[in-house]
PDB file of N, CA and C in Angstrom:
ATOM      1  N   UNK A   1     -15.245  19.302  30.065  1.00  0.00           N
ATOM      2  CA  UNK A   1     -14.372  18.244  29.630  1.00  0.00           C
ATOM      3  C   UNK A   1     -15.082  17.399  28.563  1.00  0.00           C
ATOM      4  N   UNK A   2     -14.391  17.089  27.499  1.00  0.00           N
ATOM      5  CA  UNK A   2     -14.963  16.320  26.392  1.00  0.00           C
ATOM      6  C   UNK A   2     -15.130  14.852  26.772  1.00  0.00           C
ATOM      7  N   UNK A   3     -16.143  14.227  26.167  1.00  0.00           N
ATOM      8  CA  UNK A   3     -16.397  12.809  26.389  1.00  0.00           C
ATOM      9  C   UNK A   3     -16.540  12.110  25.046  1.00  0.00           C
ATOM     10  N   UNK A   4     -16.151  10.860  24.990  1.00  0.00           N
ATOM     11  CA  UNK A   4     -16.294  10.045  23.786  1.00  0.00           C
ATOM     12  C   UNK A   4     -17.501   9.132  23.972  1.00  0.00           C
ATOM     13  N   UNK A   5     -18.456   9.241  23.059  1.00  0.00           N
ATOM     14  CA  UNK A   5     -19.674   8.429  23.094  1.00  0.00           C
ATOM     15  C   UNK A   5     -19.599   7.409  21.961  1.00  0.00           C
ATOM     16  N   UNK A   6     -19.596   6.125  22.303  1.00  0.00           N
ATOM     17  CA  UNK A   6     -19.534   5.059  21.307  1.00  0.00           C
ATOM     18  C   UNK A   6     -20.842   5.038  20.524  1.00  0.00           C
ATOM     19  N   UNK A   7     -20.757   5.174  19.185  1.00  0.00           N
ATOM     20  CA  UNK A   7     -21.980   5.187  18.377  1.00  0.00           C
ATOM     21  C   UNK A   7     -22.119   3.950  17.494  1.00  0.00           C
ATOM     22  N   UNK A   8     -21.002   3.314  17.116  1.00  0.00           N
ATOM     23  CA  UNK A   8     -21.105   2.088  16.322  1.00  0.00           C
ATOM     24  C   UNK A   8     -19.826   1.278  16.442  1.00  0.00           C
ATOM     25  N   UNK A   9     -19.954  -0.004  16.123  1.00  0.00           N
ATOM     26  CA  UNK A   9     -18.828  -0.910  16.201  1.00  0.00           C
ATOM     27  C   UNK A   9     -18.890  -1.870  15.020  1.00  0.00           C
ATOM     28  N   UNK A  10     -17.717  -2.263  14.518  1.00  0.00           N
ATOM     29  CA  UNK A  10     -17.621  -3.120  13.342  1.00  0.00           C
ATOM     30  C   UNK A  10     -16.584  -4.205  13.618  1.00  0.00           C
ATOM     31  N   UNK A  11     -16.861  -5.429  13.167  1.00  0.00           N
ATOM     32  CA  UNK A  11     -15.941  -6.553  13.302  1.00  0.00           C
ATOM     33  C   UNK A  11     -15.319  -6.830  11.946  1.00  0.00           C
ATOM     34  N   UNK A  12     -13.982  -6.871  11.894  1.00  0.00           N
ATOM     35  CA  UNK A  12     -13.252  -7.104  10.647  1.00  0.00           C
ATOM     36  C   UNK A  12     -12.468  -8.403  10.759  1.00  0.00           C
ATOM     37  N   UNK A  13     -12.682  -9.309   9.809  1.00  0.00           N
ATOM     38  CA  UNK A  13     -11.936 -10.552   9.736  1.00  0.00           C
ATOM     39  C   UNK A  13     -11.008 -10.468   8.535  1.00  0.00           C
ATOM     40  N   UNK A  14      -9.742 -10.826   8.727  1.00  0.00           N
ATOM     41  CA  UNK A  14      -8.753 -10.784   7.658  1.00  0.00           C
ATOM     42  C   UNK A  14      -8.303 -12.220   7.378  1.00  0.00           C
ATOM     43  N   UNK A  15      -8.412 -12.627   6.110  1.00  0.00           N
ATOM     44  CA  UNK A  15      -8.064 -13.976   5.690  1.00  0.00           C
ATOM     45  C   UNK A  15      -6.831 -13.957   4.794  1.00  0.00           C
ATOM     46  N   UNK A  16      -6.009 -14.989   4.909  1.00  0.00           N
ATOM     47  CA  UNK A  16      -4.872 -15.153   4.007  1.00  0.00           C
ATOM     48  C   UNK A  16      -5.350 -16.017   2.841  1.00  0.00           C
ATOM     49  N   UNK A  17      -5.377 -15.427   1.642  1.00  0.00           N
ATOM     50  CA  UNK A  17      -5.979 -16.095   0.496  1.00  0.00           C
ATOM     51  C   UNK A  17      -4.980 -16.713  -0.476  1.00  0.00           C
ATOM     52  N   UNK A  18      -3.699 -16.559  -0.226  1.00  0.00           N
ATOM     53  CA  UNK A  18      -2.706 -17.142  -1.107  1.00  0.00           C
ATOM     54  C   UNK A  18      -1.406 -16.376  -1.052  1.00  0.00           C
ATOM     55  N   UNK A  19      -0.583 -16.594  -2.093  1.00  0.00           N
ATOM     56  CA  UNK A  19       0.724 -15.942  -2.182  1.00  0.00           C
ATOM     57  C   UNK A  19       0.848 -15.241  -3.529  1.00  0.00           C
ATOM     58  N   UNK A  20       1.563 -14.114  -3.539  1.00  0.00           N
ATOM     59  CA  UNK A  20       1.802 -13.414  -4.799  1.00  0.00           C
ATOM     60  C   UNK A  20       3.072 -13.959  -5.455  1.00  0.00           C
ATOM     61  N   UNK A  21       3.499 -13.336  -6.543  1.00  0.00           N
ATOM     62  CA  UNK A  21       4.668 -13.801  -7.292  1.00  0.00           C
ATOM     63  C   UNK A  21       5.961 -13.723  -6.483  1.00  0.00           C
ATOM     64  N   UNK A  22       5.999 -12.836  -5.503  1.00  0.00           N
ATOM     65  CA  UNK A  22       7.199 -12.666  -4.678  1.00  0.00           C
ATOM     66  C   UNK A  22       7.208 -13.583  -3.453  1.00  0.00           C
ATOM     67  N   UNK A  23       6.168 -14.385  -3.309  1.00  0.00           N
ATOM     68  CA  UNK A  23       6.072 -15.275  -2.159  1.00  0.00           C
ATOM     69  C   UNK A  23       5.511 -14.621  -0.914  1.00  0.00           C
ATOM     70  N   UNK A  24       4.935 -13.429  -1.075  1.00  0.00           N
ATOM     71  CA  UNK A  24       4.334 -12.720   0.052  1.00  0.00           C
ATOM     72  C   UNK A  24       2.849 -13.084   0.150  1.00  0.00           C
ATOM     73  N   UNK A  25       2.323 -13.145   1.368  1.00  0.00           N
ATOM     74  CA  UNK A  25       0.912 -13.508   1.513  1.00  0.00           C
ATOM     75  C   UNK A  25      -0.025 -12.419   0.982  1.00  0.00           C
ATOM     76  N   UNK A  26      -1.170 -12.869   0.477  1.00  0.00           N
ATOM     77  CA  UNK A  26      -2.237 -11.974   0.016  1.00  0.00           C
ATOM     78  C   UNK A  26      -3.347 -12.051   1.061  1.00  0.00           C
ATOM     79  N   UNK A  27      -3.819 -10.880   1.499  1.00  0.00           N
ATOM     80  CA  UNK A  27      -4.862 -10.818   2.518  1.00  0.00           C
ATOM     81  C   UNK A  27      -6.130 -10.199   1.938  1.00  0.00           C
ATOM     82  N   UNK A  28      -7.272 -10.719   2.364  1.00  0.00           N
ATOM     83  CA  UNK A  28      -8.568 -10.142   2.009  1.00  0.00           C
ATOM     84  C   UNK A  28      -9.395 -10.065   3.282  1.00  0.00           C
ATOM     85  N   UNK A  29     -10.215  -9.020   3.366  1.00  0.00           N
ATOM     86  CA  UNK A  29     -10.989  -8.802   4.574  1.00  0.00           C
ATOM     87  C   UNK A  29     -12.485  -8.898   4.352  1.00  0.00           C
ATOM     88  N   UNK A  30     -13.179  -9.180   5.429  1.00  0.00           N
ATOM     89  CA  UNK A  30     -14.640  -9.196   5.457  1.00  0.00           C
ATOM     90  C   UNK A  30     -15.065  -8.443   6.701  1.00  0.00           C
ATOM     91  N   UNK A  31     -15.995  -7.498   6.540  1.00  0.00           N
ATOM     92  CA  UNK A  31     -16.451  -6.670   7.657  1.00  0.00           C
ATOM     93  C   UNK A  31     -17.902  -6.968   7.992  1.00  0.00           C
ATOM     94  N   UNK A  32     -18.200  -6.899   9.258  1.00  0.00           N
ATOM     95  CA  UNK A  32     -19.562  -7.080   9.754  1.00  0.00           C
ATOM     96  C   UNK A  32     -19.924  -5.860  10.586  1.00  0.00           C
ATOM     97  N   UNK A  33     -20.965  -5.164  10.172  1.00  0.00           N
ATOM     98  CA  UNK A  33     -21.423  -3.951  10.861  1.00  0.00           C
ATOM     99  C   UNK A  33     -22.434  -4.310  11.947  1.00  0.00           C
ATOM    100  N   UNK A  34     -22.819  -3.326  12.694  1.00  0.00           N
ATOM    101  CA  UNK A  34     -23.851  -3.443  13.729  1.00  0.00           C
ATOM    102  C   UNK A  34     -23.482  -4.427  14.829  1.00  0.00           C
ATOM    103  N   UNK A  35     -22.209  -4.445  15.198  1.00  0.00           N
ATOM    104  CA  UNK A  35     -21.765  -5.271  16.318  1.00  0.00           C
ATOM    105  C   UNK A  35     -22.271  -4.631  17.603  1.00  0.00           C
ATOM    106  N   UNK A  36     -22.728  -5.439  18.518  1.00  0.00           N
ATOM    107  CA  UNK A  36     -23.227  -4.896  19.782  1.00  0.00           C
ATOM    108  C   UNK A  36     -22.124  -4.111  20.476  1.00  0.00           C
ATOM    109  N   UNK A  37     -22.465  -2.946  20.928  1.00  0.00           N
ATOM    110  CA  UNK A  37     -21.482  -2.059  21.561  1.00  0.00           C
ATOM    111  C   UNK A  37     -20.902  -2.657  22.834  1.00  0.00           C
ATOM    112  N   UNK A  38     -21.679  -3.456  23.535  1.00  0.00           N
ATOM    113  CA  UNK A  38     -21.213  -4.019  24.801  1.00  0.00           C
ATOM    114  C   UNK A  38     -20.537  -5.384  24.638  1.00  0.00           C
ATOM    115  N   UNK A  39     -20.318  -5.841  23.409  1.00  0.00           N
ATOM    116  CA  UNK A  39     -19.656  -7.122  23.170  1.00  0.00           C
ATOM    117  C   UNK A  39     -18.207  -7.075  23.654  1.00  0.00           C
ATOM    118  N   UNK A  40     -17.794  -8.124  24.345  1.00  0.00           N
ATOM    119  CA  UNK A  40     -16.431  -8.186  24.861  1.00  0.00           C
ATOM    120  C   UNK A  40     -15.483  -8.730  23.788  1.00  0.00           C
ATOM    121  N   UNK A  41     -14.195  -8.578  24.027  1.00  0.00           N
ATOM    122  CA  UNK A  41     -13.195  -9.091  23.094  1.00  0.00           C
ATOM    123  C   UNK A  41     -13.310 -10.612  22.971  1.00  0.00           C
ATOM    124  N   UNK A  42     -13.583 -11.293  24.064  1.00  0.00           N
ATOM    125  CA  UNK A  42     -13.724 -12.745  24.036  1.00  0.00           C
ATOM    126  C   UNK A  42     -14.935 -13.162  23.199  1.00  0.00           C
ATOM    127  N   UNK A  43     -16.038 -12.470  23.349  1.00  0.00           N
ATOM    128  CA  UNK A  43     -17.230 -12.769  22.562  1.00  0.00           C
ATOM    129  C   UNK A  43     -16.988 -12.539  21.075  1.00  0.00           C
ATOM    130  N   UNK A  44     -16.289 -11.461  20.733  1.00  0.00           N
ATOM    131  CA  UNK A  44     -15.992 -11.176  19.339  1.00  0.00           C
ATOM    132  C   UNK A  44     -15.041 -12.216  18.759  1.00  0.00           C
ATOM    133  N   UNK A  45     -14.086 -12.667  19.558  1.00  0.00           N
ATOM    134  CA  UNK A  45     -13.163 -13.708  19.090  1.00  0.00           C
ATOM    135  C   UNK A  45     -13.905 -15.011  18.823  1.00  0.00           C
ATOM    136  N   UNK A  46     -14.828 -15.371  19.695  1.00  0.00           N
ATOM    137  CA  UNK A  46     -15.626 -16.581  19.497  1.00  0.00           C
ATOM    138  C   UNK A  46     -16.467 -16.475  18.226  1.00  0.00           C
ATOM    139  N   UNK A  47     -17.083 -15.317  17.998  1.00  0.00           N
ATOM    140  CA  UNK A  47     -17.887 -15.110  16.787  1.00  0.00           C
ATOM    141  C   UNK A  47     -17.018 -15.176  15.540  1.00  0.00           C
ATOM    142  N   UNK A  48     -15.829 -14.564  15.600  1.00  0.00           N
ATOM    143  CA  UNK A  48     -14.917 -14.577  14.458  1.00  0.00           C
ATOM    144  C   UNK A  48     -14.458 -15.992  14.145  1.00  0.00           C
ATOM    145  N   UNK A  49     -14.170 -16.771  15.169  1.00  0.00           N
ATOM    146  CA  UNK A  49     -13.759 -18.159  14.972  1.00  0.00           C
ATOM    147  C   UNK A  49     -14.877 -18.965  14.320  1.00  0.00           C
ATOM    148  N   UNK A  50     -16.104 -18.766  14.764  1.00  0.00           N
ATOM    149  CA  UNK A  50     -17.240 -19.473  14.175  1.00  0.00           C
ATOM    150  C   UNK A  50     -17.450 -19.059  12.719  1.00  0.00           C
ATOM    151  N   UNK A  51     -17.374 -17.763  12.447  1.00  0.00           N
ATOM    152  CA  UNK A  51     -17.559 -17.281  11.072  1.00  0.00           C
ATOM    153  C   UNK A  51     -16.431 -17.729  10.155  1.00  0.00           C
ATOM    154  N   UNK A  52     -15.215 -17.798  10.676  1.00  0.00           N
ATOM    155  CA  UNK A  52     -14.087 -18.199   9.838  1.00  0.00           C
ATOM    156  C   UNK A  52     -14.193 -19.662   9.424  1.00  0.00           C
ATOM    157  N   UNK A  53     -14.934 -20.446  10.183  1.00  0.00           N
ATOM    158  CA  UNK A  53     -15.164 -21.839   9.823  1.00  0.00           C
ATOM    159  C   UNK A  53     -15.950 -21.988   8.536  1.00  0.00           C
ATOM    160  N   UNK A  54     -16.630 -20.927   8.114  1.00  0.00           N
ATOM    161  CA  UNK A  54     -17.399 -20.949   6.879  1.00  0.00           C
ATOM    162  C   UNK A  54     -16.565 -20.580   5.660  1.00  0.00           C
ATOM    163  N   UNK A  55     -15.328 -20.163   5.883  1.00  0.00           N
ATOM    164  CA  UNK A  55     -14.445 -19.718   4.806  1.00  0.00           C
ATOM    165  C   UNK A  55     -13.482 -20.838   4.408  1.00  0.00           C
ATOM    166  N   UNK A  56     -13.084 -20.813   3.148  1.00  0.00           N
ATOM    167  CA  UNK A  56     -12.094 -21.775   2.658  1.00  0.00           C
ATOM    168  C   UNK A  56     -10.673 -21.338   3.006  1.00  0.00           C
ATOM    169  N   UNK A  57     -10.502 -20.109   3.489  1.00  0.00           N
ATOM    170  CA  UNK A  57      -9.179 -19.547   3.768  1.00  0.00           C
ATOM    171  C   UNK A  57      -8.930 -19.460   5.262  1.00  0.00           C
ATOM    172  N   UNK A  58      -7.666 -19.543   5.675  1.00  0.00           N
ATOM    173  CA  UNK A  58      -7.359 -19.424   7.108  1.00  0.00           C
ATOM    174  C   UNK A  58      -7.504 -17.982   7.602  1.00  0.00           C
ATOM    175  N   UNK A  59      -7.973 -17.855   8.826  1.00  0.00           N
ATOM    176  CA  UNK A  59      -8.138 -16.553   9.458  1.00  0.00           C
ATOM    177  C   UNK A  59      -6.783 -16.035   9.903  1.00  0.00           C
ATOM    178  N   UNK A  60      -6.453 -14.822   9.498  1.00  0.00           N
ATOM    179  CA  UNK A  60      -5.161 -14.228   9.832  1.00  0.00           C
ATOM    180  C   UNK A  60      -5.270 -13.308  11.043  1.00  0.00           C
ATOM    181  N   UNK A  61      -6.310 -12.466  11.081  1.00  0.00           N
ATOM    182  CA  UNK A  61      -6.474 -11.564  12.223  1.00  0.00           C
ATOM    183  C   UNK A  61      -7.930 -11.144  12.375  1.00  0.00           C
ATOM    184  N   UNK A  62      -8.237 -10.679  13.577  1.00  0.00           N
ATOM    185  CA  UNK A  62      -9.568 -10.180  13.918  1.00  0.00           C
ATOM    186  C   UNK A  62      -9.389  -8.777  14.473  1.00  0.00           C
ATOM    187  N   UNK A  63     -10.186  -7.842  13.962  1.00  0.00           N
ATOM    188  CA  UNK A  63     -10.069  -6.458  14.398  1.00  0.00           C
ATOM    189  C   UNK A  63     -11.449  -5.907  14.720  1.00  0.00           C
ATOM    190  N   UNK A  64     -11.481  -4.998  15.661  1.00  0.00           N
ATOM    191  CA  UNK A  64     -12.716  -4.289  15.999  1.00  0.00           C
ATOM    192  C   UNK A  64     -12.489  -2.811  15.724  1.00  0.00           C
ATOM    193  N   UNK A  65     -13.412  -2.201  15.020  1.00  0.00           N
ATOM    194  CA  UNK A  65     -13.336  -0.777  14.729  1.00  0.00           C
ATOM    195  C   UNK A  65     -14.530  -0.093  15.390  1.00  0.00           C
ATOM    196  N   UNK A  66     -14.242   0.834  16.287  1.00  0.00           N
ATOM    197  CA  UNK A  66     -15.287   1.588  16.978  1.00  0.00           C
ATOM    198  C   UNK A  66     -15.322   3.015  16.452  1.00  0.00           C
ATOM    199  N   UNK A  67     -16.524   3.566  16.366  1.00  0.00           N
ATOM    200  CA  UNK A  67     -16.690   4.957  15.969  1.00  0.00           C
ATOM    201  C   UNK A  67     -17.300   5.698  17.149  1.00  0.00           C
ATOM    202  N   UNK A  68     -16.695   6.828  17.479  1.00  0.00           N
ATOM    203  CA  UNK A  68     -17.131   7.629  18.628  1.00  0.00           C
ATOM    204  C   UNK A  68     -17.541   9.029  18.200  1.00  0.00           C
ATOM    205  N   UNK A  69     -18.476   9.602  18.917  1.00  0.00           N
ATOM    206  CA  UNK A  69     -18.777  11.031  18.835  1.00  0.00           C
ATOM    207  C   UNK A  69     -18.073  11.688  20.018  1.00  0.00           C
ATOM    208  N   UNK A  70     -17.376  12.772  19.740  1.00  0.00           N
ATOM    209  CA  UNK A  70     -16.726  13.521  20.819  1.00  0.00           C
ATOM    210  C   UNK A  70     -17.612  14.718  21.140  1.00  0.00           C
ATOM    211  N   UNK A  71     -18.093  14.757  22.363  1.00  0.00           N
ATOM    212  CA  UNK A  71     -18.992  15.851  22.781  1.00  0.00           C
ATOM    213  C   UNK A  71     -18.426  16.555  23.997  1.00  0.00           C
TER     214      UNK A  71
END
């Protein structure tokens, strides 16, 4: 039976940076690599909130991207 082995994790913050000509929001992202594999969703949310305080733009979403090896 195959198993998924977590090899890396990345934290992605998405900011709303303004509006385009049609009045739709413009989003830009910032990624942070080498996130601890055992970090919980609550811990990542707290880190994202702290990091977003350093930005001039409002935080729109927080995402976690995990990479697995299937063996």
